[in-house]
Amino acid sequence: MINQTYTVTAETGIHARPASGLVQVATKYASDISMEYKEKKVNLKSILGVMSLGVGQGATITIYVEGTDEQEAFEGIESYLKSEGIIAS
């Protein structure tokens, strides 16, 4: 299992568009991928789960990846977060 904690730097946090993009990236991989915020953990492949967290700017999130392609999945998620300006690169 790989996990990493990040601070959300985007002014709008993780709203609908970046949440949708995250879900699209996560669904490409076979691994189980989840995101935790304020002690609530959701499946990163579920748009409703991600949106239910209400992640805003300055929030601390943790991404968990476990499975056969976990390294590739982790790198893909982290790359998306950085390229969209959700976290600092």
Protein backbone atom coordinates (compact mmCIF):
# COMPACT_ATOMS: atom_id res chain seq x y z
CA MET A 1 0.00 0.00 0.00
CA ILE A 2 1.13 3.51 -0.83
CA ASN A 3 -0.23 6.57 0.94
CA GLN A 4 0.68 10.22 0.81
CA THR A 5 -0.69 13.32 2.52
CA TYR A 6 -1.10 16.61 0.66
CA THR A 7 -2.32 20.13 1.36
CA VAL A 8 -4.85 21.45 -1.14
CA THR A 9 -3.59 24.77 -2.54
CA ALA A 10 -6.29 25.42 -5.16
CA GLU A 11 -8.45 28.42 -4.23
CA THR A 12 -11.62 26.49 -5.01
CA GLY A 13 -10.51 23.26 -3.35
CA ILE A 14 -11.68 20.04 -4.97
CA HIS A 15 -14.97 21.10 -6.56
CA ALA A 16 -16.93 19.38 -9.35
CA ARG A 17 -14.49 19.69 -12.28
CA PRO A 18 -11.31 18.55 -10.50
CA ALA A 19 -13.28 15.88 -8.61
CA SER A 20 -14.58 14.53 -11.91
CA GLY A 21 -11.06 14.51 -13.34
CA LEU A 22 -9.72 12.68 -10.30
CA VAL A 23 -12.39 10.01 -10.65
CA GLN A 24 -11.59 9.62 -14.37
CA VAL A 25 -7.89 9.14 -13.59
CA ALA A 26 -8.58 6.71 -10.72
CA THR A 27 -10.90 4.51 -12.79
CA LYS A 28 -8.06 3.78 -15.25
CA TYR A 29 -6.36 1.61 -12.64
CA ALA A 30 -7.18 -1.77 -11.12
CA SER A 31 -5.91 -0.78 -7.66
CA ASP A 32 -8.19 0.30 -4.83
CA ILE A 33 -7.77 4.06 -4.50
CA SER A 34 -9.26 6.17 -1.72
CA MET A 35 -9.03 9.68 -0.34
CA GLU A 36 -9.35 10.66 3.31
CA TYR A 37 -10.33 14.07 4.66
CA LYS A 38 -11.33 14.86 8.25
CA GLU A 39 -11.24 11.16 9.17
CA LYS A 40 -13.71 10.26 6.39
CA LYS A 41 -12.37 7.92 3.72
CA VAL A 42 -14.08 7.54 0.33
CA ASN A 43 -13.49 5.57 -2.85
CA LEU A 44 -11.69 7.85 -5.31
CA LYS A 45 -13.54 6.12 -8.14
CA SER A 46 -16.87 7.53 -6.88
CA ILE A 47 -17.75 11.11 -7.85
CA LEU A 48 -20.42 11.26 -5.14
CA GLY A 49 -17.94 10.07 -2.55
CA VAL A 50 -15.33 12.65 -3.53
CA MET A 51 -17.89 15.49 -3.68
CA SER A 52 -19.31 14.49 -0.28
CA LEU A 53 -15.99 15.35 1.39
CA GLY A 54 -16.30 19.06 0.61
CA VAL A 55 -12.53 19.57 0.38
CA GLY A 56 -11.59 23.26 0.42
CA GLN A 57 -8.39 25.27 0.09
CA GLY A 58 -5.90 24.54 2.87
CA ALA A 59 -7.41 21.10 3.54
CA THR A 60 -5.13 18.17 4.29
CA ILE A 61 -6.02 15.05 2.29
CA THR A 62 -4.45 11.61 2.21
CA ILE A 63 -4.48 9.39 -0.88
CA TYR A 64 -4.30 5.61 -0.39
CA VAL A 65 -3.50 3.20 -3.23
CA GLU A 66 -3.35 -0.58 -2.95
CA GLY A 67 -3.27 -3.19 -5.69
CA THR A 68 -1.38 -4.71 -8.57
CA ASP A 69 -0.70 -1.39 -10.32
CA GLU A 70 -0.42 0.77 -7.20
CA GLN A 71 2.81 2.55 -8.14
CA GLU A 72 1.52 3.52 -11.57
CA ALA A 73 -1.86 4.53 -10.11
CA PHE A 74 -0.25 6.61 -7.38
CA GLU A 75 1.94 8.44 -9.89
CA GLY A 76 -1.06 9.09 -12.15
CA ILE A 77 -3.13 10.55 -9.31
CA GLU A 78 -0.27 12.69 -8.03
CA SER A 79 0.50 13.93 -11.55
CA TYR A 80 -3.15 14.94 -12.04
CA LEU A 81 -3.27 16.76 -8.69
CA LYS A 82 -0.15 18.75 -9.61
CA SER A 83 -1.09 19.47 -13.24
CA GLU A 84 -4.49 20.83 -12.21
CA GLY A 85 -2.98 23.02 -9.50
CA ILE A 86 -4.87 21.21 -6.74
CA ILE A 87 -1.64 20.69 -4.82
CA ALA A 88 1.71 22.48 -5.10
CA SER A 89 4.19 20.79 -7.40
